[in-house]
Amino acid sequence: LQRPEANLGRKGKRRAVPMVVPSPKIYSVLRQIHPDMRISKKAMKVMNDLVADQFEKIALEAHKMLQIHGKTTLTAREIQASVRLLLPGELAKHAVSRGTKALAMYNRAKQATAAPG
């Protein structure tokens, strides 16, 4: 995996963005589905690569949508449309449902911290 670079708003100044490794989440999902099953380091690397590859495909598709519509801001709408295009049937529906749920939880937490008192 290569690390993407983020622009800090200054010309020529860039810093590496840390990669998010989904291993702990993959492991916790495995524990929920098959509590007695284990996973080797090689298999976990394959799973990490699979997740990273899907993330990259979704981001690339969302970027294409932004270019087509002449926008510069990536929103949940573009991510949702990209997921629906790239993932098959029921998997796409489930992913969109979970994403919507996560976004709602985030917005509620954000409002709770912003509310005075």
N, C-alpha and C. Protein backbone atom coordinates (compact mmCIF):
# COMPACT_ATOMS: atom_id res chain seq x y z
N LEU A 1 0.83 -1.19 0.00
CA LEU A 1 0.00 0.00 0.00
C LEU A 1 0.87 1.24 0.00
N GLN A 2 0.52 2.18 -0.83
CA GLN A 2 1.23 3.44 -0.85
C GLN A 2 0.44 4.45 -0.04
N ARG A 3 1.15 5.39 0.55
CA ARG A 3 0.49 6.42 1.33
C ARG A 3 0.15 7.60 0.43
N PRO A 4 -1.11 8.03 0.43
CA PRO A 4 -1.45 9.22 -0.34
C PRO A 4 -0.89 10.45 0.36
N GLU A 5 -0.70 11.51 -0.38
CA GLU A 5 -0.19 12.73 0.22
C GLU A 5 -1.28 13.78 0.22
N ALA A 6 -1.33 14.56 1.28
CA ALA A 6 -2.33 15.62 1.40
C ALA A 6 -1.65 16.96 1.30
N ASN A 7 -2.27 17.87 0.60
CA ASN A 7 -1.74 19.22 0.47
C ASN A 7 -2.15 20.01 1.70
N LEU A 8 -1.23 20.74 2.28
CA LEU A 8 -1.52 21.51 3.48
C LEU A 8 -2.01 22.92 3.17
N GLY A 9 -2.23 23.23 1.90
CA GLY A 9 -2.68 24.56 1.55
C GLY A 9 -1.53 25.49 1.18
N ARG A 10 -0.31 25.03 1.37
CA ARG A 10 0.87 25.82 1.00
C ARG A 10 1.50 25.20 -0.22
N LYS A 11 1.96 26.04 -1.12
CA LYS A 11 2.58 25.52 -2.34
C LYS A 11 3.83 24.71 -2.01
N GLY A 12 3.89 23.51 -2.57
CA GLY A 12 5.08 22.69 -2.43
C GLY A 12 5.19 21.95 -1.11
N LYS A 13 4.40 22.30 -0.12
CA LYS A 13 4.48 21.64 1.18
C LYS A 13 3.46 20.52 1.23
N ARG A 14 3.94 19.30 1.40
CA ARG A 14 3.05 18.15 1.49
C ARG A 14 3.47 17.29 2.66
N ARG A 15 2.52 16.61 3.23
CA ARG A 15 2.84 15.66 4.29
C ARG A 15 2.11 14.36 4.00
N ALA A 16 2.66 13.28 4.48
CA ALA A 16 2.05 11.97 4.26
C ALA A 16 0.82 11.83 5.15
N VAL A 17 -0.24 11.29 4.58
CA VAL A 17 -1.45 11.01 5.34
C VAL A 17 -1.34 9.57 5.84
N PRO A 18 -1.52 9.35 7.14
CA PRO A 18 -1.39 7.97 7.64
C PRO A 18 -2.47 7.06 7.06
N MET A 19 -2.07 5.84 6.73
CA MET A 19 -3.01 4.86 6.18
C MET A 19 -3.85 4.28 7.31
N VAL A 20 -5.11 4.11 7.06
CA VAL A 20 -6.00 3.48 8.04
C VAL A 20 -5.99 1.99 7.75
N VAL A 21 -5.63 1.20 8.73
CA VAL A 21 -5.56 -0.25 8.56
C VAL A 21 -6.82 -0.86 9.16
N PRO A 22 -7.63 -1.53 8.32
CA PRO A 22 -8.90 -2.07 8.82
C PRO A 22 -8.79 -3.40 9.55
N SER A 23 -7.58 -3.89 9.84
CA SER A 23 -7.41 -5.20 10.49
C SER A 23 -8.24 -5.39 11.76
N PRO A 24 -8.23 -4.44 12.69
CA PRO A 24 -9.02 -4.66 13.91
C PRO A 24 -10.51 -4.81 13.63
N LYS A 25 -11.03 -4.05 12.68
CA LYS A 25 -12.46 -4.14 12.36
C LYS A 25 -12.76 -5.48 11.69
N ILE A 26 -11.89 -5.91 10.79
CA ILE A 26 -12.06 -7.21 10.12
C ILE A 26 -12.07 -8.32 11.17
N TYR A 27 -11.15 -8.23 12.11
CA TYR A 27 -11.05 -9.24 13.17
C TYR A 27 -12.31 -9.25 14.03
N SER A 28 -12.84 -8.07 14.38
CA SER A 28 -14.03 -8.02 15.22
C SER A 28 -15.26 -8.57 14.49
N VAL A 29 -15.36 -8.31 13.18
CA VAL A 29 -16.47 -8.86 12.40
C VAL A 29 -16.36 -10.38 12.33
N LEU A 30 -15.14 -10.89 12.15
CA LEU A 30 -14.92 -12.34 12.14
C LEU A 30 -15.36 -12.94 13.48
N ARG A 31 -15.04 -12.26 14.59
CA ARG A 31 -15.42 -12.74 15.93
C ARG A 31 -16.95 -12.77 16.08
N GLN A 32 -17.65 -11.81 15.50
CA GLN A 32 -19.11 -11.77 15.60
C GLN A 32 -19.74 -12.91 14.81
N ILE A 33 -19.19 -13.20 13.64
CA ILE A 33 -19.79 -14.21 12.76
C ILE A 33 -19.35 -15.62 13.14
N HIS A 34 -18.04 -15.81 13.35
CA HIS A 34 -17.49 -17.13 13.70
C HIS A 34 -16.55 -16.97 14.90
N PRO A 35 -17.08 -17.01 16.11
CA PRO A 35 -16.27 -16.78 17.30
C PRO A 35 -15.10 -17.75 17.48
N ASP A 36 -15.23 -18.96 16.97
CA ASP A 36 -14.19 -19.96 17.18
C ASP A 36 -13.16 -19.99 16.04
N MET A 37 -13.35 -19.20 15.01
CA MET A 37 -12.45 -19.23 13.85
C MET A 37 -11.30 -18.22 14.04
N ARG A 38 -10.14 -18.59 13.51
CA ARG A 38 -8.96 -17.73 13.57
C ARG A 38 -8.57 -17.32 12.16
N ILE A 39 -7.66 -16.32 12.05
CA ILE A 39 -7.21 -15.88 10.74
C ILE A 39 -5.69 -15.69 10.78
N SER A 40 -5.01 -16.18 9.74
CA SER A 40 -3.55 -16.07 9.71
C SER A 40 -3.14 -14.66 9.28
N LYS A 41 -1.86 -14.34 9.48
CA LYS A 41 -1.35 -13.03 9.10
C LYS A 41 -1.45 -12.82 7.59
N LYS A 42 -1.17 -13.88 6.82
CA LYS A 42 -1.27 -13.77 5.36
C LYS A 42 -2.71 -13.50 4.93
N ALA A 43 -3.65 -14.21 5.53
CA ALA A 43 -5.06 -14.02 5.19
C ALA A 43 -5.52 -12.62 5.58
N MET A 44 -5.03 -12.11 6.72
CA MET A 44 -5.39 -10.76 7.14
C MET A 44 -4.82 -9.72 6.18
N LYS A 45 -3.61 -9.98 5.68
CA LYS A 45 -3.02 -9.07 4.69
C LYS A 45 -3.87 -9.06 3.41
N VAL A 46 -4.32 -10.23 2.99
CA VAL A 46 -5.19 -10.31 1.81
C VAL A 46 -6.47 -9.51 2.05
N MET A 47 -7.07 -9.66 3.23
CA MET A 47 -8.29 -8.93 3.56
C MET A 47 -8.04 -7.42 3.58
N ASN A 48 -6.92 -7.00 4.17
CA ASN A 48 -6.56 -5.58 4.19
C ASN A 48 -6.42 -5.03 2.78
N ASP A 49 -5.75 -5.80 1.92
CA ASP A 49 -5.55 -5.38 0.53
C ASP A 49 -6.88 -5.30 -0.21
N LEU A 50 -7.76 -6.25 0.07
CA LEU A 50 -9.09 -6.24 -0.56
C LEU A 50 -9.87 -4.99 -0.16
N VAL A 51 -9.87 -4.67 1.13
CA VAL A 51 -10.59 -3.50 1.62
C VAL A 51 -9.98 -2.22 1.04
N ALA A 52 -8.65 -2.14 1.03
CA ALA A 52 -7.97 -0.96 0.48
C ALA A 52 -8.27 -0.80 -1.01
N ASP A 53 -8.32 -1.91 -1.74
CA ASP A 53 -8.61 -1.86 -3.17
C ASP A 53 -10.04 -1.37 -3.41
N GLN A 54 -11.00 -1.89 -2.65
CA GLN A 54 -12.39 -1.45 -2.80
C GLN A 54 -12.53 0.03 -2.44
N PHE A 55 -11.84 0.45 -1.38
CA PHE A 55 -11.88 1.86 -0.98
C PHE A 55 -11.37 2.74 -2.11
N GLU A 56 -10.27 2.32 -2.72
CA GLU A 56 -9.69 3.09 -3.82
C GLU A 56 -10.63 3.16 -5.02
N LYS A 57 -11.27 2.03 -5.34
CA LYS A 57 -12.22 2.01 -6.46
C LYS A 57 -13.41 2.93 -6.21
N ILE A 58 -13.93 2.90 -4.99
CA ILE A 58 -15.07 3.76 -4.64
C ILE A 58 -14.67 5.23 -4.71
N ALA A 59 -13.49 5.55 -4.17
CA ALA A 59 -13.02 6.93 -4.21
C ALA A 59 -12.80 7.41 -5.63
N LEU A 60 -12.25 6.56 -6.48
CA LEU A 60 -12.00 6.91 -7.87
C LEU A 60 -13.32 7.15 -8.61
N GLU A 61 -14.29 6.30 -8.38
CA GLU A 61 -15.60 6.46 -9.03
C GLU A 61 -16.27 7.74 -8.55
N ALA A 62 -16.17 8.04 -7.27
CA ALA A 62 -16.76 9.27 -6.73
C ALA A 62 -16.07 10.50 -7.33
N HIS A 63 -14.76 10.41 -7.52
CA HIS A 63 -13.99 11.51 -8.13
C HIS A 63 -14.45 11.74 -9.57
N LYS A 64 -14.70 10.66 -10.29
CA LYS A 64 -15.19 10.79 -11.66
C LYS A 64 -16.54 11.50 -11.69
N MET A 65 -17.41 11.17 -10.73
CA MET A 65 -18.71 11.82 -10.65
C MET A 65 -18.56 13.31 -10.40
N LEU A 66 -17.63 13.67 -9.52
CA LEU A 66 -17.39 15.08 -9.24
C LEU A 66 -16.96 15.81 -10.51
N GLN A 67 -16.07 15.19 -11.28
CA GLN A 67 -15.60 15.81 -12.51
C GLN A 67 -16.73 15.96 -13.52
N ILE A 68 -17.57 14.95 -13.65
CA ILE A 68 -18.68 14.99 -14.60
C ILE A 68 -19.64 16.13 -14.26
N HIS A 69 -19.91 16.32 -12.97
CA HIS A 69 -20.87 17.33 -12.55
C HIS A 69 -20.22 18.68 -12.25
N GLY A 70 -18.91 18.78 -12.43
CA GLY A 70 -18.21 20.05 -12.24
C GLY A 70 -18.17 20.52 -10.79
N LYS A 71 -18.17 19.58 -9.86
CA LYS A 71 -18.12 19.93 -8.44
C LYS A 71 -16.72 19.66 -7.89
N THR A 72 -16.44 20.22 -6.72
CA THR A 72 -15.13 20.01 -6.09
C THR A 72 -15.24 19.38 -4.71
N THR A 73 -16.45 19.31 -4.16
CA THR A 73 -16.63 18.78 -2.81
C THR A 73 -17.23 17.38 -2.86
N LEU A 74 -16.53 16.44 -2.25
CA LEU A 74 -17.00 15.06 -2.17
C LEU A 74 -17.97 14.94 -1.00
N THR A 75 -19.17 14.47 -1.28
CA THR A 75 -20.18 14.33 -0.23
C THR A 75 -20.62 12.87 -0.13
N ALA A 76 -21.47 12.60 0.85
CA ALA A 76 -21.99 11.25 1.05
C ALA A 76 -22.78 10.79 -0.17
N ARG A 77 -23.36 11.73 -0.87
CA ARG A 77 -24.16 11.39 -2.05
C ARG A 77 -23.31 10.71 -3.13
N GLU A 78 -22.12 11.27 -3.39
CA GLU A 78 -21.23 10.67 -4.39
C GLU A 78 -20.71 9.30 -3.94
N ILE A 79 -20.40 9.18 -2.66
CA ILE A 79 -19.94 7.90 -2.12
C ILE A 79 -21.04 6.85 -2.26
N GLN A 80 -22.25 7.23 -1.91
CA GLN A 80 -23.39 6.31 -1.99
C GLN A 80 -23.63 5.86 -3.43
N ALA A 81 -23.58 6.78 -4.37
CA ALA A 81 -23.78 6.43 -5.77
C ALA A 81 -22.67 5.51 -6.26
N SER A 82 -21.44 5.77 -5.84
CA SER A 82 -20.30 4.94 -6.23
C SER A 82 -20.43 3.52 -5.69
N VAL A 83 -20.87 3.41 -4.45
CA VAL A 83 -21.07 2.09 -3.84
C VAL A 83 -22.14 1.32 -4.60
N ARG A 84 -23.22 2.01 -4.96
CA ARG A 84 -24.29 1.34 -5.71
C ARG A 84 -23.82 0.86 -7.08
N LEU A 85 -22.92 1.63 -7.69
CA LEU A 85 -22.39 1.23 -9.00
C LEU A 85 -21.42 0.06 -8.91
N LEU A 86 -20.60 0.04 -7.88
CA LEU A 86 -19.50 -0.92 -7.82
C LEU A 86 -19.83 -2.23 -7.12
N LEU A 87 -20.72 -2.19 -6.15
CA LEU A 87 -21.03 -3.42 -5.42
C LEU A 87 -22.29 -4.07 -5.98
N PRO A 88 -22.33 -5.39 -6.00
CA PRO A 88 -23.49 -6.08 -6.56
C PRO A 88 -24.70 -6.07 -5.61
N GLY A 89 -25.89 -5.94 -6.18
CA GLY A 89 -27.19 -6.06 -5.56
C GLY A 89 -27.34 -5.87 -4.07
N GLU A 90 -27.54 -6.99 -3.37
CA GLU A 90 -27.83 -6.96 -1.95
C GLU A 90 -26.67 -6.40 -1.13
N LEU A 91 -25.46 -6.64 -1.58
CA LEU A 91 -24.28 -6.11 -0.88
C LEU A 91 -24.28 -4.59 -0.93
N ALA A 92 -24.65 -4.02 -2.07
CA ALA A 92 -24.72 -2.56 -2.20
C ALA A 92 -25.80 -1.99 -1.28
N LYS A 93 -26.95 -2.64 -1.24
CA LYS A 93 -28.05 -2.18 -0.38
C LYS A 93 -27.62 -2.19 1.09
N HIS A 94 -26.97 -3.27 1.49
CA HIS A 94 -26.51 -3.39 2.87
C HIS A 94 -25.47 -2.33 3.19
N ALA A 95 -24.52 -2.11 2.27
CA ALA A 95 -23.47 -1.11 2.48
C ALA A 95 -24.06 0.29 2.59
N VAL A 96 -25.01 0.61 1.74
CA VAL A 96 -25.65 1.93 1.77
C VAL A 96 -26.41 2.10 3.09
N SER A 97 -27.09 1.05 3.51
CA SER A 97 -27.83 1.10 4.77
C SER A 97 -26.90 1.35 5.95
N ARG A 98 -25.80 0.61 6.01
CA ARG A 98 -24.84 0.78 7.11
C ARG A 98 -24.17 2.15 7.06
N GLY A 99 -23.88 2.63 5.85
CA GLY A 99 -23.27 3.95 5.71
C GLY A 99 -24.20 5.05 6.16
N THR A 100 -25.48 4.95 5.81
CA THR A 100 -26.48 5.93 6.22
C THR A 100 -26.63 5.93 7.74
N LYS A 101 -26.63 4.74 8.32
CA LYS A 101 -26.74 4.61 9.78
C LYS A 101 -25.52 5.24 10.47
N ALA A 102 -24.33 4.98 9.94
CA ALA A 102 -23.11 5.55 10.53
C ALA A 102 -23.10 7.07 10.42
N LEU A 103 -23.55 7.60 9.29
CA LEU A 103 -23.61 9.05 9.10
C LEU A 103 -24.60 9.69 10.06
N ALA A 104 -25.74 9.04 10.28
CA ALA A 104 -26.74 9.56 11.22
C ALA A 104 -26.18 9.57 12.64
N MET A 105 -25.46 8.51 13.02
CA MET A 105 -24.85 8.46 14.35
C MET A 105 -23.81 9.56 14.52
N TYR A 106 -23.02 9.79 13.48
CA TYR A 106 -22.01 10.84 13.51
C TYR A 106 -22.66 12.21 13.69
N ASN A 107 -23.70 12.47 12.91
CA ASN A 107 -24.39 13.76 13.00
C ASN A 107 -25.03 13.98 14.36
N ARG A 108 -25.60 12.92 14.95
CA ARG A 108 -26.18 13.04 16.30
C ARG A 108 -25.09 13.36 17.33
N ALA A 109 -23.96 12.68 17.23
CA ALA A 109 -22.86 12.93 18.17
C ALA A 109 -22.31 14.34 18.00
N LYS A 110 -22.22 14.78 16.77
CA LYS A 110 -21.73 16.13 16.49
C LYS A 110 -22.68 17.18 17.07
N GLN A 111 -23.99 16.97 16.94
CA GLN A 111 -24.97 17.90 17.50
C GLN A 111 -24.94 17.88 19.03
N ALA A 112 -24.72 16.73 19.60
CA ALA A 112 -24.69 16.60 21.06
C ALA A 112 -23.51 17.36 21.66
N THR A 113 -22.37 17.35 20.97
CA THR A 113 -21.20 18.06 21.48
C THR A 113 -21.30 19.56 21.22
N ALA A 114 -22.06 19.95 20.19
CA ALA A 114 -22.21 21.36 19.85
C ALA A 114 -23.28 22.05 20.70
N ALA A 115 -24.22 21.25 21.22
CA ALA A 115 -25.32 21.82 22.00
C ALA A 115 -24.81 22.34 23.35
N PRO A 116 -25.19 23.56 23.70
CA PRO A 116 -24.74 24.09 24.99
C PRO A 116 -25.48 23.45 26.16
N GLY A 117 -24.74 23.31 27.27
CA GLY A 117 -25.34 22.87 28.51
C GLY A 117 -25.55 21.44 28.60
